[in-house]
C-alpha atoms as a PDB file:
ATOM      1  CA  MET A   1      22.384 -38.947  17.762  1.00  0.00           C
ATOM      2  CA  THR A   2      21.460 -35.460  18.131  1.00  0.00           C
ATOM      3  CA  ASP A   3      17.961 -34.612  17.066  1.00  0.00           C
ATOM      4  CA  VAL A   4      17.468 -32.034  14.438  1.00  0.00           C
ATOM      5  CA  PRO A   5      14.844 -29.375  14.880  1.00  0.00           C
ATOM      6  CA  SER A   6      11.698 -30.151  13.396  1.00  0.00           C
ATOM      7  CA  MET A   7      11.194 -28.500   9.710  1.00  0.00           C
ATOM      8  CA  ARG A   8       7.556 -29.160   9.850  1.00  0.00           C
ATOM      9  CA  GLY A   9       7.281 -27.709  13.455  1.00  0.00           C
ATOM     10  CA  ALA A  10       9.215 -24.696  11.896  1.00  0.00           C
ATOM     11  CA  GLU A  11       6.663 -23.984   9.495  1.00  0.00           C
ATOM     12  CA  VAL A  12       3.850 -23.975  11.994  1.00  0.00           C
ATOM     13  CA  GLY A  13       6.103 -21.613  14.106  1.00  0.00           C
ATOM     14  CA  ARG A  14       6.126 -19.194  10.725  1.00  0.00           C
ATOM     15  CA  ARG A  15       2.382 -19.515  10.319  1.00  0.00           C
ATOM     16  CA  ILE A  16       1.801 -18.564  13.965  1.00  0.00           C
ATOM     17  CA  GLY A  17       4.128 -15.530  13.344  1.00  0.00           C
ATOM     18  CA  VAL A  18       2.510 -14.483  10.368  1.00  0.00           C
ATOM     19  CA  GLY A  19      -0.966 -14.200  12.273  1.00  0.00           C
ATOM     20  CA  LEU A  20       0.611 -12.422  15.319  1.00  0.00           C
ATOM     21  CA  MET A  21       3.214 -10.187  13.443  1.00  0.00           C
ATOM     22  CA  TYR A  22       0.650  -8.827  10.776  1.00  0.00           C
ATOM     23  CA  GLY A  23      -2.223  -8.733  13.409  1.00  0.00           C
ATOM     24  CA  LEU A  24      -0.508  -6.890  16.258  1.00  0.00           C
ATOM     25  CA  TRP A  25       1.822  -4.782  13.969  1.00  0.00           C
ATOM     26  CA  LYS A  26       2.170  -3.247  10.405  1.00  0.00           C
ATOM     27  CA  PRO A  27       5.351  -5.020   9.045  1.00  0.00           C
ATOM     28  CA  ARG A  28       7.157  -3.529   6.114  1.00  0.00           C
ATOM     29  CA  VAL A  29       9.146  -5.897   4.600  1.00  0.00           C
ATOM     30  CA  LEU A  30      11.747  -5.127   1.935  1.00  0.00           C
ATOM     31  CA  GLY A  31      14.417  -7.619  -0.068  1.00  0.00           C
ATOM     32  CA  SER A  32      12.738 -11.172   1.177  1.00  0.00           C
ATOM     33  CA  TRP A  33      13.282 -12.566  -2.313  1.00  0.00           C
ATOM     34  CA  ARG A  34      16.998 -12.098  -1.672  1.00  0.00           C
ATOM     35  CA  VAL A  35      16.421 -15.171   0.781  1.00  0.00           C
ATOM     36  CA  PRO A  36      17.600 -18.331  -1.269  1.00  0.00           C
ATOM     37  CA  ALA A  37      14.651 -20.286  -2.317  1.00  0.00           C
ATOM     38  CA  SER A  38      16.245 -23.464  -1.331  1.00  0.00           C
ATOM     39  CA  GLY A  39      19.438 -24.649   0.393  1.00  0.00           C
ATOM     40  CA  PRO A  40      20.942 -23.786   3.624  1.00  0.00           C
ATOM     41  CA  VAL A  41      20.914 -20.301   4.798  1.00  0.00           C
ATOM     42  CA  ILE A  42      21.813 -18.219   7.761  1.00  0.00           C
ATOM     43  CA  LEU A  43      19.916 -15.215   8.810  1.00  0.00           C
ATOM     44  CA  ALA A  44      21.656 -12.554  10.724  1.00  0.00           C
ATOM     45  CA  VAL A  45      19.511 -10.453  12.609  1.00  0.00           C
ATOM     46  CA  ASN A  46      20.192  -7.538  14.611  1.00  0.00           C
ATOM     47  CA  HIS A  47      18.408  -7.373  18.231  1.00  0.00           C
ATOM     48  CA  SER A  48      17.038  -4.591  19.955  1.00  0.00           C
ATOM     49  CA  HIS A  49      13.802  -5.838  21.034  1.00  0.00           C
ATOM     50  CA  ASN A  50      12.185  -9.384  22.199  1.00  0.00           C
ATOM     51  CA  ILE A  51       9.945  -9.224  18.915  1.00  0.00           C
ATOM     52  CA  ASP A  52      12.949  -9.071  16.676  1.00  0.00           C
ATOM     53  CA  GLY A  53      12.858 -12.886  16.382  1.00  0.00           C
ATOM     54  CA  PRO A  54       9.292 -13.594  16.244  1.00  0.00           C
ATOM     55  CA  MET A  55       9.209 -10.888  13.606  1.00  0.00           C
ATOM     56  CA  VAL A  56      11.434 -12.653  11.458  1.00  0.00           C
ATOM     57  CA  MET A  57       9.888 -15.906  11.718  1.00  0.00           C
ATOM     58  CA  GLY A  58       6.797 -14.277  10.719  1.00  0.00           C
ATOM     59  CA  VAL A  59       8.019 -12.041   7.712  1.00  0.00           C
ATOM     60  CA  ALA A  60      10.436 -14.555   6.295  1.00  0.00           C
ATOM     61  CA  PRO A  61       9.796 -16.266   2.996  1.00  0.00           C
ATOM     62  CA  ARG A  62      10.952 -19.998   4.387  1.00  0.00           C
ATOM     63  CA  PRO A  63      10.661 -21.525   7.757  1.00  0.00           C
ATOM     64  CA  THR A  64      13.129 -20.553  10.721  1.00  0.00           C
ATOM     65  CA  HIS A  65      15.253 -22.213  13.326  1.00  0.00           C
ATOM     66  CA  PHE A  66      16.440 -19.555  15.698  1.00  0.00           C
ATOM     67  CA  LEU A  67      19.032 -19.914  18.096  1.00  0.00           C
ATOM     68  CA  ILE A  68      17.538 -18.893  21.446  1.00  0.00           C
ATOM     69  CA  LYS A  69      18.928 -18.512  24.930  1.00  0.00           C
ATOM     70  CA  LYS A  70      17.768 -21.292  27.159  1.00  0.00           C
ATOM     71  CA  GLU A  71      16.368 -18.662  29.725  1.00  0.00           C
ATOM     72  CA  ALA A  72      13.848 -18.080  27.351  1.00  0.00           C
ATOM     73  CA  PHE A  73      12.352 -21.960  27.531  1.00  0.00           C
ATOM     74  CA  VAL A  74      10.578 -21.450  30.663  1.00  0.00           C
ATOM     75  CA  GLY A  75       7.389 -23.306  31.837  1.00  0.00           C
ATOM     76  CA  PRO A  76       5.112 -23.957  29.031  1.00  0.00           C
ATOM     77  CA  LEU A  77       7.186 -21.871  26.471  1.00  0.00           C
ATOM     78  CA  ASP A  78       9.880 -24.948  26.582  1.00  0.00           C
ATOM     79  CA  PRO A  79       7.691 -27.167  24.766  1.00  0.00           C
ATOM     80  CA  PHE A  80       6.294 -24.657  22.731  1.00  0.00           C
ATOM     81  CA  LEU A  81       9.536 -23.440  21.280  1.00  0.00           C
ATOM     82  CA  THR A  82      11.131 -26.826  20.890  1.00  0.00           C
ATOM     83  CA  GLY A  83       7.913 -27.914  18.985  1.00  0.00           C
ATOM     84  CA  ILE A  84       8.062 -25.022  16.566  1.00  0.00           C
ATOM     85  CA  GLY A  85      12.025 -25.958  15.767  1.00  0.00           C
ATOM     86  CA  GLN A  86      13.434 -23.677  17.605  1.00  0.00           C
ATOM     87  CA  VAL A  87      17.108 -24.359  19.172  1.00  0.00           C
ATOM     88  CA  LYS A  88      17.966 -23.920  22.929  1.00  0.00           C
ATOM     89  CA  VAL A  89      21.444 -22.850  23.514  1.00  0.00           C
ATOM     90  CA  ASP A  90      23.479 -21.956  26.574  1.00  0.00           C
ATOM     91  CA  ARG A  91      25.210 -18.802  25.893  1.00  0.00           C
ATOM     92  CA  HIS A  92      27.661 -19.407  29.086  1.00  0.00           C
ATOM     93  CA  SER A  93      29.348 -22.470  27.871  1.00  0.00           C
ATOM     94  CA  ILE A  94      30.286 -24.762  24.886  1.00  0.00           C
ATOM     95  CA  ASP A  95      26.707 -25.980  24.131  1.00  0.00           C
ATOM     96  CA  ARG A  96      27.646 -29.129  22.003  1.00  0.00           C
ATOM     97  CA  THR A  97      24.293 -30.104  21.471  1.00  0.00           C
ATOM     98  CA  ALA A  98      22.903 -26.869  20.338  1.00  0.00           C
ATOM     99  CA  ILE A  99      25.814 -26.819  17.980  1.00  0.00           C
ATOM    100  CA  ALA A 100      25.065 -30.133  16.491  1.00  0.00           C
ATOM    101  CA  ARG A 101      21.413 -29.127  16.310  1.00  0.00           C
ATOM    102  CA  ALA A 102      22.176 -26.080  14.599  1.00  0.00           C
ATOM    103  CA  LEU A 103      24.587 -27.606  11.774  1.00  0.00           C
ATOM    104  CA  GLY A 104      21.808 -30.252  11.652  1.00  0.00           C
ATOM    105  CA  VAL A 105      19.684 -27.685  10.323  1.00  0.00           C
ATOM    106  CA  LEU A 106      21.865 -26.454   7.810  1.00  0.00           C
ATOM    107  CA  GLU A 107      22.866 -29.822   6.847  1.00  0.00           C
ATOM    108  CA  GLN A 108      19.317 -30.631   5.706  1.00  0.00           C
ATOM    109  CA  GLY A 109      19.156 -27.320   3.974  1.00  0.00           C
ATOM    110  CA  GLY A 110      17.088 -25.570   6.429  1.00  0.00           C
ATOM    111  CA  VAL A 111      17.507 -21.910   7.640  1.00  0.00           C
ATOM    112  CA  LEU A 112      19.088 -21.156  10.804  1.00  0.00           C
ATOM    113  CA  GLY A 113      18.625 -17.543  12.523  1.00  0.00           C
ATOM    114  CA  ILE A 114      21.198 -16.178  14.739  1.00  0.00           C
ATOM    115  CA  PHE A 115      21.396 -12.839  16.540  1.00  0.00           C
ATOM    116  CA  PRO A 116      25.234 -12.176  16.128  1.00  0.00           C
ATOM    117  CA  GLU A 117      25.626  -9.703  18.761  1.00  0.00           C
ATOM    118  CA  GLY A 118      24.791 -12.612  21.243  1.00  0.00           C
ATOM    119  CA  THR A 119      22.131 -10.858  23.254  1.00  0.00           C
ATOM    120  CA  ARG A 120      19.763  -7.815  23.022  1.00  0.00           C
ATOM    121  CA  GLY A 121      21.182  -4.300  22.901  1.00  0.00           C
ATOM    122  CA  GLU A 122      21.481  -1.248  20.526  1.00  0.00           C
ATOM    123  CA  GLY A 123      21.005  -3.666  17.330  1.00  0.00           C
ATOM    124  CA  ASP A 124      23.798  -1.967  15.748  1.00  0.00           C
ATOM    125  CA  PHE A 125      25.815  -4.771  15.093  1.00  0.00           C
ATOM    126  CA  ALA A 126      28.670  -3.210  16.578  1.00  0.00           C
ATOM    127  CA  SER A 127      30.074  -6.328  18.785  1.00  0.00           C
ATOM    128  CA  ILE A 128      29.861  -9.590  16.770  1.00  0.00           C
ATOM    129  CA  ARG A 129      30.435 -12.861  18.387  1.00  0.00           C
ATOM    130  CA  ALA A 130      32.527 -15.627  16.801  1.00  0.00           C
ATOM    131  CA  GLY A 131      29.270 -17.998  16.854  1.00  0.00           C
ATOM    132  CA  LEU A 132      28.144 -16.646  13.312  1.00  0.00           C
ATOM    133  CA  ALA A 133      31.366 -17.062  11.785  1.00  0.00           C
ATOM    134  CA  TYR A 134      31.825 -20.579  13.047  1.00  0.00           C
ATOM    135  CA  PHE A 135      28.543 -21.800  11.711  1.00  0.00           C
ATOM    136  CA  ALA A 136      28.967 -20.095   8.646  1.00  0.00           C
ATOM    137  CA  VAL A 137      32.474 -21.335   7.771  1.00  0.00           C
ATOM    138  CA  ARG A 138      31.614 -24.815   9.191  1.00  0.00           C
ATOM    139  CA  SER A 139      28.632 -25.231   6.940  1.00  0.00           C
ATOM    140  CA  GLY A 140      29.662 -23.078   3.870  1.00  0.00           C
ATOM    141  CA  ALA A 141      25.990 -21.790   4.040  1.00  0.00           C
ATOM    142  CA  PRO A 142      25.211 -18.083   2.542  1.00  0.00           C
ATOM    143  CA  ILE A 143      24.641 -15.429   5.260  1.00  0.00           C
ATOM    144  CA  VAL A 144      21.668 -13.057   4.585  1.00  0.00           C
ATOM    145  CA  PRO A 145      21.575  -9.864   6.604  1.00  0.00           C
ATOM    146  CA  VAL A 146      18.269  -8.802   8.147  1.00  0.00           C
ATOM    147  CA  ALA A 147      17.923  -5.596   9.926  1.00  0.00           C
ATOM    148  CA  VAL A 148      14.924  -4.954  11.823  1.00  0.00           C
ATOM    149  CA  LEU A 149      14.124  -1.554  12.566  1.00  0.00           C
ATOM    150  CA  GLY A 150      11.211   0.322  14.757  1.00  0.00           C
ATOM    151  CA  SER A 151      10.494  -2.400  17.288  1.00  0.00           C
ATOM    152  CA  SER A 152      12.532  -0.637  19.895  1.00  0.00           C
ATOM    153  CA  ASP A 153      11.917   3.009  18.979  1.00  0.00           C
ATOM    154  CA  ARG A 154       9.112   3.848  21.714  1.00  0.00           C
ATOM    155  CA  PRO A 155       7.079   1.635  23.982  1.00  0.00           C
ATOM    156  CA  GLY A 156       3.271   0.921  23.897  1.00  0.00           C
ATOM    157  CA  ARG A 157       0.718   2.569  25.851  1.00  0.00           C
ATOM    158  CA  LEU A 158      -1.124  -0.573  26.909  1.00  0.00           C
ATOM    159  CA  ILE A 159       1.875  -2.744  27.352  1.00  0.00           C
ATOM    160  CA  LYS A 160       5.258  -1.134  27.876  1.00  0.00           C
ATOM    161  CA  ALA A 161       7.350  -4.146  27.025  1.00  0.00           C
ATOM    162  CA  LEU A 162       5.836  -4.130  23.328  1.00  0.00           C
ATOM    163  CA  PRO A 163       5.987  -1.832  20.451  1.00  0.00           C
ATOM    164  CA  PRO A 164       2.652   0.302  20.123  1.00  0.00           C
ATOM    165  CA  LEU A 165      -0.131  -1.849  18.623  1.00  0.00           C
ATOM    166  CA  ARG A 166      -0.204  -1.376  14.887  1.00  0.00           C
ATOM    167  CA  SER A 167       2.751   0.800  14.789  1.00  0.00           C
ATOM    168  CA  ARG A 168       5.265  -0.086  11.764  1.00  0.00           C
ATOM    169  CA  VAL A 169       8.289  -2.309  12.026  1.00  0.00           C
ATOM    170  CA  ASP A 170      10.623  -2.513   8.707  1.00  0.00           C
ATOM    171  CA  VAL A 171      12.399  -5.553   8.299  1.00  0.00           C
ATOM    172  CA  VAL A 172      14.868  -5.498   5.461  1.00  0.00           C
ATOM    173  CA  PHE A 173      16.925  -8.458   3.984  1.00  0.00           C
ATOM    174  CA  GLY A 174      20.040  -7.828   2.310  1.00  0.00           C
ATOM    175  CA  ASP A 175      21.840  -9.799  -0.280  1.00  0.00           C
ATOM    176  CA  PRO A 176      23.631 -13.304   0.747  1.00  0.00           C
ATOM    177  CA  PHE A 177      27.316 -13.323   1.008  1.00  0.00           C
ATOM    178  CA  ASP A 178      29.994 -15.901   2.074  1.00  0.00           C
ATOM    179  CA  ALA A 179      31.684 -15.773   5.568  1.00  0.00           C
ATOM    180  CA  VAL A 180      34.902 -16.525   3.398  1.00  0.00           C
ATOM    181  CA  GLU A 181      35.284 -14.939   0.144  1.00  0.00           C
ATOM    182  CA  GLY A 182      35.059 -17.227  -2.746  1.00  0.00           C
ATOM    183  CA  ALA A 183      33.917 -20.043  -0.421  1.00  0.00           C
ATOM    184  CA  ARG A 184      31.518 -22.873  -1.549  1.00  0.00           C
ATOM    185  CA  SER A 185      28.784 -24.408   0.569  1.00  0.00           C
ATOM    186  CA  SER A 186      29.799 -28.029   1.819  1.00  0.00           C
ATOM    187  CA  VAL A 187      26.467 -29.170   3.135  1.00  0.00           C
ATOM    188  CA  THR A 188      24.081 -29.106   0.084  1.00  0.00           C
ATOM    189  CA  ASP A 189      24.734 -32.785  -0.160  1.00  0.00           C
ATOM    190  CA  GLY A 190      23.362 -33.226   3.133  1.00  0.00           C
ATOM    191  CA  GLY A 191      27.049 -34.811   4.303  1.00  0.00           C
ATOM    192  CA  GLY A 192      28.090 -32.057   6.903  1.00  0.00           C
ATOM    193  CA  ARG A 193      31.427 -32.172   6.175  1.00  0.00           C
ATOM    194  CA  ARG A 194      33.966 -29.822   7.684  1.00  0.00           C
ATOM    195  CA  ALA A 195      35.055 -27.257   5.442  1.00  0.00           C
ATOM    196  CA  GLY A 196      38.646 -27.911   4.865  1.00  0.00           C
ATOM    197  CA  GLY A 197      41.168 -25.989   6.712  1.00  0.00           C
ATOM    198  CA  ARG A 198      38.926 -23.280   7.302  1.00  0.00           C
ATOM    199  CA  GLY A 199      38.231 -23.784  10.832  1.00  0.00           C
ATOM    200  CA  THR A 200      41.543 -22.270  12.159  1.00  0.00           C
ATOM    201  CA  ARG A 201      40.915 -19.568  14.620  1.00  0.00           C
ATOM    202  CA  LYS A 202      42.517 -17.122  12.228  1.00  0.00           C
ATOM    203  CA  ALA A 203      39.728 -18.165   9.523  1.00  0.00           C
ATOM    204  CA  LEU A 204      37.181 -17.758  12.311  1.00  0.00           C
ATOM    205  CA  ASP A 205      38.616 -14.030  13.195  1.00  0.00           C
ATOM    206  CA  GLU A 206      38.990 -12.941   9.397  1.00  0.00           C
ATOM    207  CA  ALA A 207      35.523 -14.502   8.368  1.00  0.00           C
ATOM    208  CA  THR A 208      33.793 -12.548  11.633  1.00  0.00           C
ATOM    209  CA  ALA A 209      35.708  -9.204  10.617  1.00  0.00           C
ATOM    210  CA  ARG A 210      34.352  -9.922   6.996  1.00  0.00           C
ATOM    211  CA  ILE A 211      30.818 -10.618   8.777  1.00  0.00           C
ATOM    212  CA  GLN A 212      30.701  -7.489  10.705  1.00  0.00           C
ATOM    213  CA  LYS A 213      31.899  -5.321   7.769  1.00  0.00           C
ATOM    214  CA  GLN A 214      28.846  -6.831   5.722  1.00  0.00           C
ATOM    215  CA  LEU A 215      26.205  -6.631   8.515  1.00  0.00           C
ATOM    216  CA  THR A 216      27.258  -3.161   9.317  1.00  0.00           C
ATOM    217  CA  ALA A 217      26.688  -1.615   5.703  1.00  0.00           C
ATOM    218  CA  HIS A 218      23.602  -3.486   5.119  1.00  0.00           C
ATOM    219  CA  LEU A 219      22.336  -1.870   8.603  1.00  0.00           C
ATOM    220  CA  GLU A 220      23.242   1.631   7.349  1.00  0.00           C
ATOM    221  CA  ASN A 221      21.395   0.791   3.604  1.00  0.00           C
ATOM    222  CA  ALA A 222      18.448  -0.178   5.505  1.00  0.00           C
ATOM    223  CA  ARG A 223      18.189   2.678   7.485  1.00  0.00           C
ATOM    224  CA  ARG A 224      18.519   4.920   4.345  1.00  0.00           C
ATOM    225  CA  LEU A 225      16.050   2.897   2.326  1.00  0.00           C
ATOM    226  CA  THR A 226      13.249   3.165   5.415  1.00  0.00           C
ATOM    227  CA  GLY A 227      14.248   6.613   6.389  1.00  0.00           C
ATOM    228  CA  ARG A 228      15.079   5.787   9.886  1.00  0.00           C
ATOM    229  CA  ARG A 229      18.123   7.046  11.769  1.00  0.00           C
ATOM    230  CA  ALA A 230      19.945   5.559  14.540  1.00  0.00           C
ATOM    231  CA  THR A 231      18.672   5.916  17.931  1.00  0.00           C
ATOM    232  CA  LEU A 232      20.920   8.060  19.900  1.00  0.00           C
END
C-alpha cells in the first residue's frame, strides 16, 4: 500500500513558507477565501519561477501537497521535501507511485498543488498537460486556479536566481470549478472511487480544454486586478 503524504508535514511546510515568503518578499494575496475550507481541492498554479510553489505554500489558507519533479529531491532536500508532505514525481514516465500518493491526498480531503504546464516556462497556461485533468476527473475534486505574478519580472541584485528581496509578488486565487461541468466529488467519503465512465481519453481531452479556458481567463483577470501586464 502506498503511503499518503503527511498532512501534518504539509502544515509544517506551510508555516515554514509563511516565515520565508513574508520575510524575504512582500506577498499580496487576493481571493484566498475562495479556497474551500475543507474537502479535496486541487490548486492549479502557473509556473514561471522556482519560488512559485513555496510562495503558494506560504500564502495558501490550507496546507498544500505539491507534485514536484524528482530532480528537485537531491541531497538534504529529499528528506526535507518528503517530510513536509510534498510528492516526488517522475515527469518522464507513468509514475504510478506518485499518482497513488496524489490521489491519496485528495481521498483524505487534502489540497493537491499542480503546475499544469508541467515545467517552468512563461507561466501563461498556454500549454496544459493532461495530468491535471486526470486527477480532477478521477477524484471529482474542484480546481482552484492560482496566478503568481511578479516572481519572474526581474532578477535580484544579490542573488540573481531569486526575485529582488522585499519586492512585491502577487498571488491571486480564483473561483473553484469542476473539470467536468456538473460533476460532483466522488472522494469526499474517502472511498477513492473511480468517477464512473469519465476516465476515457475523450473525457480527459474535453476536461483539459475546459480547464485551459478557465485558467487562461483567470490569469487575464488576475493581471487586470493587479495591474500587471504579460511579459513580452
